[in-house]
């Protein structure tokens, strides 16, 4: 496979998984959250709040708000950065509209309650679990659902001292808290009930999102002791296209010198690495350990901001 074909395949794969994530999000939102008028954060949550209060179609509000945000963000972040976001916004709007059209309706026009009457809590748990997994699928494939993500990225570009998580939390807090200002939701107690549920949605969805994303990014370190170290290194380097570091070792008991292979890999690659080692040298001694984080080429980027004053200080000390 040429480099050009590999780039095309990676982009195609990203769009396929982004679409899958959006489909999961649509099902979770329209089947488990929307029928019980459970509020959530983000532009989708804000659109749902407006729909519950006024009856204005959710997908239309979603497109209008995201359209306004995109106009601003295109100048700040650039078209290339937002290509997949634009795709996700329009695709999610179409999916939300289609799902509402095909699902059976309650008398109030909302989708039917799959879990039955009085099952708001269990429906919230199932819905948030699926939406968390769906968002992680989108984010892990270089996508975004737009909305508050655009706001966070725009703010972060001009003020590095404010983290993305802080911006997202603040915006979602305001969106969910806005339920208190809609008398259509009932008295203050009923509105407070919706806000409380909304905060539960935000907490659980973010927990599942972080868990899935961190698990998919989890890395491991292999230390391989084998007389056939050269064959193992060649197999891992050529068949898995993976880097291998060769260390010099010295046995205390035997006094023999030997080579030790050190490999940093994604946890999902572990099975293939073990398979290669066992095929070449079943007697190899292998140590596998989890690492907190691996940063650099092929792994995560070091997400730290460096001020100009700090750069100048380092230069002056050289």
Protein backbone atom coordinates (compact mmCIF):
# COMPACT_ATOMS: atom_id res chain seq x y z
CA UNK A 1 0.00 0.00 0.00
CA UNK A 2 1.46 3.35 -1.05
CA UNK A 3 1.59 6.35 1.29
CA UNK A 4 -1.17 8.06 -0.73
CA UNK A 5 -3.44 5.01 -0.51
CA UNK A 6 -2.73 4.70 3.20
CA UNK A 7 -3.73 8.33 3.78
CA UNK A 8 -6.96 7.83 1.81
CA UNK A 9 -7.74 4.63 3.72
CA UNK A 10 -7.13 6.30 7.11
CA UNK A 11 -9.40 9.21 6.17
CA UNK A 12 -12.11 6.82 4.93
CA UNK A 13 -11.84 4.77 8.13
CA UNK A 14 -12.17 7.96 10.21
CA UNK A 15 -15.38 8.94 8.44
CA UNK A 16 -16.79 5.40 8.76
CA UNK A 17 -16.23 5.33 12.54
CA UNK A 18 -17.43 8.92 12.96
CA UNK A 19 -20.67 7.93 11.20
CA UNK A 20 -20.99 4.87 13.46
CA UNK A 21 -20.50 7.05 16.53
CA UNK A 22 -23.12 9.53 15.33
CA UNK A 23 -25.58 6.70 14.70
CA UNK A 24 -25.07 5.38 18.25
CA UNK A 25 -25.52 8.90 19.64
CA UNK A 26 -28.75 9.39 17.69
CA UNK A 27 -30.23 6.10 18.90
CA UNK A 28 -29.29 6.79 22.52
CA UNK A 29 -30.60 10.36 22.48
CA UNK A 30 -33.91 9.75 20.70
CA UNK A 31 -34.74 6.40 22.33
CA UNK A 32 -33.53 6.85 25.91
CA UNK A 33 -33.14 10.56 26.71
CA UNK A 34 -35.60 12.48 24.55
CA UNK A 35 -38.80 10.52 25.43
CA UNK A 36 -38.35 11.37 29.12
CA UNK A 37 -37.40 15.00 28.43
CA UNK A 38 -33.99 14.40 30.05
CA UNK A 39 -31.77 17.41 29.43
CA UNK A 40 -28.08 17.22 28.56
CA UNK A 41 -25.18 19.52 27.79
CA UNK A 42 -23.83 20.63 24.44
CA UNK A 43 -25.71 22.13 21.53
CA UNK A 44 -27.80 18.96 21.23
CA UNK A 45 -28.89 19.39 24.84
CA UNK A 46 -29.66 23.08 24.33
CA UNK A 47 -31.66 22.25 21.19
CA UNK A 48 -33.60 19.63 23.15
CA UNK A 49 -34.37 22.11 25.95
CA UNK A 50 -35.74 24.60 23.39
CA UNK A 51 -37.78 21.79 21.79
CA UNK A 52 -39.25 20.66 25.11
CA UNK A 53 -40.16 24.27 25.99
CA UNK A 54 -41.37 25.60 22.61
CA UNK A 55 -41.86 22.65 20.25
CA UNK A 56 -39.37 24.08 17.74
CA UNK A 57 -37.77 21.14 15.95
CA UNK A 58 -34.57 19.94 17.62
CA UNK A 59 -32.60 19.35 14.41
CA UNK A 60 -33.38 22.86 13.13
CA UNK A 61 -32.13 24.51 16.32
CA UNK A 62 -29.06 22.28 16.22
CA UNK A 63 -28.22 23.37 12.66
CA UNK A 64 -28.85 27.07 13.32
CA UNK A 65 -26.65 27.23 16.44
CA UNK A 66 -23.87 25.18 14.88
CA UNK A 67 -24.08 27.21 11.67
CA UNK A 68 -23.49 30.43 13.60
CA UNK A 69 -20.62 28.87 15.53
CA UNK A 70 -19.04 27.55 12.32
CA UNK A 71 -19.08 31.00 10.70
CA UNK A 72 -17.07 32.35 13.60
CA UNK A 73 -14.84 29.29 13.93
CA UNK A 74 -13.92 29.13 10.23
CA UNK A 75 -12.04 32.40 10.61
CA UNK A 76 -10.41 31.33 13.86
CA UNK A 77 -9.64 27.63 13.34
CA UNK A 78 -9.57 27.24 9.55
CA UNK A 79 -11.50 25.04 7.13
CA UNK A 80 -9.14 22.04 7.29
CA UNK A 81 -9.58 21.70 11.05
CA UNK A 82 -13.38 21.81 10.76
CA UNK A 83 -13.99 19.51 7.77
CA UNK A 84 -14.95 16.48 9.85
CA UNK A 85 -16.85 18.70 12.28
CA UNK A 86 -18.97 20.10 9.43
CA UNK A 87 -19.63 16.55 8.20
CA UNK A 88 -20.62 15.43 11.71
CA UNK A 89 -22.95 18.39 12.28
CA UNK A 90 -24.99 17.84 9.11
CA UNK A 91 -24.96 14.05 9.44
CA UNK A 92 -26.16 14.17 13.07
CA UNK A 93 -28.92 16.65 12.15
CA UNK A 94 -30.15 14.31 9.40
CA UNK A 95 -30.00 11.28 11.70
CA UNK A 96 -31.90 13.07 14.48
CA UNK A 97 -34.62 14.11 12.04
CA UNK A 98 -34.88 10.63 10.53
CA UNK A 99 -35.03 8.94 13.95
CA UNK A 100 -37.84 11.24 15.12
CA UNK A 101 -39.79 10.57 11.92
CA UNK A 102 -39.61 6.77 12.12
CA UNK A 103 -40.00 6.22 15.87
CA UNK A 104 -43.53 5.76 17.31
CA UNK A 105 -44.84 8.89 19.03
CA UNK A 106 -46.37 9.69 22.39
CA UNK A 107 -49.46 11.95 22.49
CA UNK A 108 -47.15 14.92 23.23
CA UNK A 109 -45.19 14.29 20.02
CA UNK A 110 -42.04 12.91 21.69
CA UNK A 111 -40.68 9.44 20.80
CA UNK A 112 -42.22 6.51 22.68
CA UNK A 113 -40.89 5.50 26.10
CA UNK A 114 -39.05 2.25 25.46
CA UNK A 115 -38.41 1.58 29.15
CA UNK A 116 -42.00 2.40 30.16
CA UNK A 117 -43.48 5.01 32.47
CA UNK A 118 -41.51 6.17 35.50
CA UNK A 119 -38.19 4.74 34.28
CA UNK A 120 -36.34 8.02 33.83
CA UNK A 121 -33.33 7.00 35.93
CA UNK A 122 -32.58 3.67 34.25
CA UNK A 123 -33.21 5.24 30.84
CA UNK A 124 -30.74 8.00 31.72
CA UNK A 125 -28.06 5.45 32.70
CA UNK A 126 -28.46 3.46 29.47
CA UNK A 127 -28.64 6.59 27.32
CA UNK A 128 -25.58 8.25 28.89
CA UNK A 129 -23.53 5.07 28.62
CA UNK A 130 -24.25 4.81 24.90
CA UNK A 131 -23.76 8.53 24.20
CA UNK A 132 -20.45 8.43 26.09
CA UNK A 133 -19.25 5.50 23.98
CA UNK A 134 -20.54 7.22 20.84
CA UNK A 135 -18.69 10.48 21.54
CA UNK A 136 -15.49 8.56 22.37
CA UNK A 137 -15.80 6.77 19.01
CA UNK A 138 -16.09 10.12 17.22
CA UNK A 139 -13.23 11.77 19.13
CA UNK A 140 -10.90 8.75 18.80
CA UNK A 141 -11.26 8.99 15.03
CA UNK A 142 -10.31 12.67 14.82
CA UNK A 143 -13.91 13.87 14.68
CA UNK A 144 -16.08 16.28 16.62
CA UNK A 145 -19.80 16.88 16.96
CA UNK A 146 -19.31 20.64 16.86
CA UNK A 147 -21.19 22.92 19.21
CA UNK A 148 -19.41 23.45 22.52
CA UNK A 149 -16.29 21.75 21.08
CA UNK A 150 -15.98 24.66 18.64
CA UNK A 151 -16.36 27.19 21.47
CA UNK A 152 -13.74 25.40 23.57
CA UNK A 153 -11.24 25.13 20.71
CA UNK A 154 -11.71 28.81 19.81
CA UNK A 155 -11.25 30.01 23.39
CA UNK A 156 -8.24 27.74 23.88
CA UNK A 157 -6.55 29.14 20.77
CA UNK A 158 -6.49 32.65 22.21
CA UNK A 159 -6.06 31.77 25.88
CA UNK A 160 -3.87 28.75 26.55
CA UNK A 161 -4.32 29.12 30.30
CA UNK A 162 -7.95 27.97 30.05
CA UNK A 163 -8.24 24.22 29.49
CA UNK A 164 -10.71 22.68 27.05
CA UNK A 165 -12.34 20.74 29.88
CA UNK A 166 -12.97 23.90 31.89
CA UNK A 167 -14.65 25.62 28.93
CA UNK A 168 -16.82 22.58 28.13
CA UNK A 169 -17.86 22.18 31.77
CA UNK A 170 -18.74 25.88 32.11
CA UNK A 171 -20.81 25.94 28.91
CA UNK A 172 -22.64 22.69 29.74
CA UNK A 173 -23.31 23.95 33.28
CA UNK A 174 -24.97 27.08 31.85
CA UNK A 175 -26.99 25.09 29.28
CA UNK A 176 -28.38 22.64 31.83
CA UNK A 177 -28.95 25.38 34.40
CA UNK A 178 -31.02 27.34 31.85
CA UNK A 179 -33.90 24.93 32.52
CA UNK A 180 -34.64 26.96 35.65
CA UNK A 181 -35.72 29.90 33.46
CA UNK A 182 -38.33 27.97 31.41
CA UNK A 183 -41.73 28.04 33.15
CA UNK A 184 -42.93 25.44 30.61
CA UNK A 185 -41.06 22.81 32.67
CA UNK A 186 -43.36 23.38 35.66
CA UNK A 187 -42.76 24.90 39.07
CA UNK A 188 -39.33 25.46 40.63
CA UNK A 189 -39.23 21.96 42.13
CA UNK A 190 -39.89 20.29 38.76
CA UNK A 191 -37.32 22.53 37.08
CA UNK A 192 -34.76 21.74 39.79
CA UNK A 193 -35.50 18.04 39.18
CA UNK A 194 -34.66 18.44 35.50
CA UNK A 195 -31.48 20.36 36.27
CA UNK A 196 -30.37 17.67 38.74
CA UNK A 197 -30.98 14.97 36.13
CA UNK A 198 -29.06 17.08 33.64
CA UNK A 199 -26.02 17.28 35.91
CA UNK A 200 -26.19 13.49 36.39
CA UNK A 201 -26.24 13.11 32.59
CA UNK A 202 -23.20 15.39 32.25
CA UNK A 203 -21.22 13.57 34.95
CA UNK A 204 -21.99 10.05 33.73
CA UNK A 205 -21.53 10.83 30.04
CA UNK A 206 -18.14 12.45 30.70
CA UNK A 207 -17.08 9.52 32.90
CA UNK A 208 -17.90 6.97 30.18
CA UNK A 209 -16.30 9.19 27.53
CA UNK A 210 -13.05 9.50 29.52
CA UNK A 211 -13.02 5.79 30.39
CA UNK A 212 -13.42 4.62 26.79
CA UNK A 213 -10.93 7.15 25.39
CA UNK A 214 -8.30 6.43 28.04
CA UNK A 215 -8.73 2.67 27.62
CA UNK A 216 -8.28 2.87 23.86
CA UNK A 217 -5.13 4.99 24.35
CA UNK A 218 -3.69 2.84 27.13
CA UNK A 219 -0.10 1.83 26.45
CA UNK A 220 2.12 -0.99 27.72
CA UNK A 221 5.85 -1.63 27.91
CA UNK A 222 7.45 -4.93 26.95
CA UNK A 223 10.85 -6.12 28.14
CA UNK A 224 11.82 -9.23 26.13
CA UNK A 225 14.74 -11.50 27.10
CA UNK A 226 15.53 -14.05 24.40
CA UNK A 227 18.47 -15.66 22.62
CA UNK A 228 16.52 -15.05 19.40
CA UNK A 229 16.26 -11.34 20.05
CA UNK A 230 17.29 -10.42 16.51
CA UNK A 231 14.53 -12.52 14.92
CA UNK A 232 11.92 -11.16 17.33
CA UNK A 233 13.03 -7.57 16.68
CA UNK A 234 12.90 -8.12 12.91
CA UNK A 235 9.43 -9.66 13.09
CA UNK A 236 7.97 -6.87 15.25
CA UNK A 237 9.66 -4.17 13.17
CA UNK A 238 8.61 -5.53 9.77
CA UNK A 239 5.27 -7.26 10.41
CA UNK A 240 3.86 -4.71 12.86
CA UNK A 241 5.77 -1.68 11.56
CA UNK A 242 6.74 -1.00 15.16
CA UNK A 243 9.85 0.53 16.69
CA UNK A 244 12.09 -1.63 18.89
CA UNK A 245 14.85 -0.46 21.24
CA UNK A 246 17.75 -2.88 21.91
CA UNK A 247 19.38 -2.62 25.34
CA UNK A 248 22.57 -4.26 26.60
CA UNK A 249 21.95 -6.66 29.49
CA UNK A 250 24.23 -8.59 31.82
CA UNK A 251 23.04 -11.63 33.81
CA UNK A 252 24.04 -11.56 37.48
CA UNK A 253 24.00 -15.33 38.02
CA UNK A 254 25.36 -16.53 34.68
CA UNK A 255 27.56 -13.54 34.03
CA UNK A 256 26.55 -13.72 30.37
CA UNK A 257 25.92 -10.67 28.26
CA UNK A 258 22.64 -10.53 26.35
CA UNK A 259 20.36 -8.20 24.47
CA UNK A 260 17.05 -6.99 25.89
CA UNK A 261 14.26 -5.70 23.65
CA UNK A 262 12.25 -2.75 24.96
CA UNK A 263 8.97 -1.99 23.20
CA UNK A 264 6.31 0.63 23.92
CA UNK A 265 2.99 -0.27 22.31
CA UNK A 266 -0.74 0.27 22.51
CA UNK A 267 -2.49 -2.24 24.73
CA UNK A 268 -4.56 -3.49 21.81
CA UNK A 269 -1.32 -4.56 20.08
CA UNK A 270 -0.30 -6.83 22.96
CA UNK A 271 -1.86 -10.01 21.61
CA UNK A 272 -0.09 -9.71 18.25
CA UNK A 273 3.25 -9.03 19.95
CA UNK A 274 2.86 -12.06 22.22
CA UNK A 275 1.90 -14.19 19.22
CA UNK A 276 5.04 -13.20 17.31
CA UNK A 277 7.28 -13.84 20.33
CA UNK A 278 5.77 -17.27 20.97
CA UNK A 279 6.11 -18.33 17.32
CA UNK A 280 9.82 -17.43 17.30
CA UNK A 281 10.89 -18.36 20.83
CA UNK A 282 8.35 -20.07 23.15
CA UNK A 283 11.00 -20.02 25.92
CA UNK A 284 11.43 -16.23 25.84
CA UNK A 285 11.13 -14.36 29.13
CA UNK A 286 8.70 -11.45 28.70
CA UNK A 287 7.72 -8.70 31.10
CA UNK A 288 4.65 -6.59 30.31
CA UNK A 289 3.74 -3.54 32.39
CA UNK A 290 1.18 -0.77 32.08
CA UNK A 291 2.50 2.76 31.72
CA UNK A 292 0.74 5.95 32.73
CA UNK A 293 1.37 7.68 29.42
CA UNK A 294 3.55 7.55 26.32
CA UNK A 295 4.16 10.74 24.37
CA UNK A 296 5.88 11.31 21.07
CA UNK A 297 5.78 9.97 17.53
CA UNK A 298 3.10 7.30 17.11
CA UNK A 299 1.57 7.99 20.54
CA UNK A 300 -0.08 10.94 22.28
CA UNK A 301 1.04 14.52 21.89
CA UNK A 302 2.49 16.34 24.89
CA UNK A 303 -0.40 18.70 25.67
CA UNK A 304 1.48 21.39 27.55
CA UNK A 305 1.68 25.05 26.66
CA UNK A 306 5.02 26.86 26.68
CA UNK A 307 5.07 30.61 27.16
CA UNK A 308 7.43 32.78 25.14
CA UNK A 309 9.06 33.97 28.36
CA UNK A 310 9.88 30.36 29.26
CA UNK A 311 11.43 29.78 25.82
CA UNK A 312 13.59 32.85 26.18
CA UNK A 313 14.67 31.71 29.66
CA UNK A 314 15.77 28.32 28.33
CA UNK A 315 17.69 29.96 25.46
CA UNK A 316 19.44 32.31 27.84
CA UNK A 317 20.60 29.42 30.03
CA UNK A 318 22.23 27.57 27.14
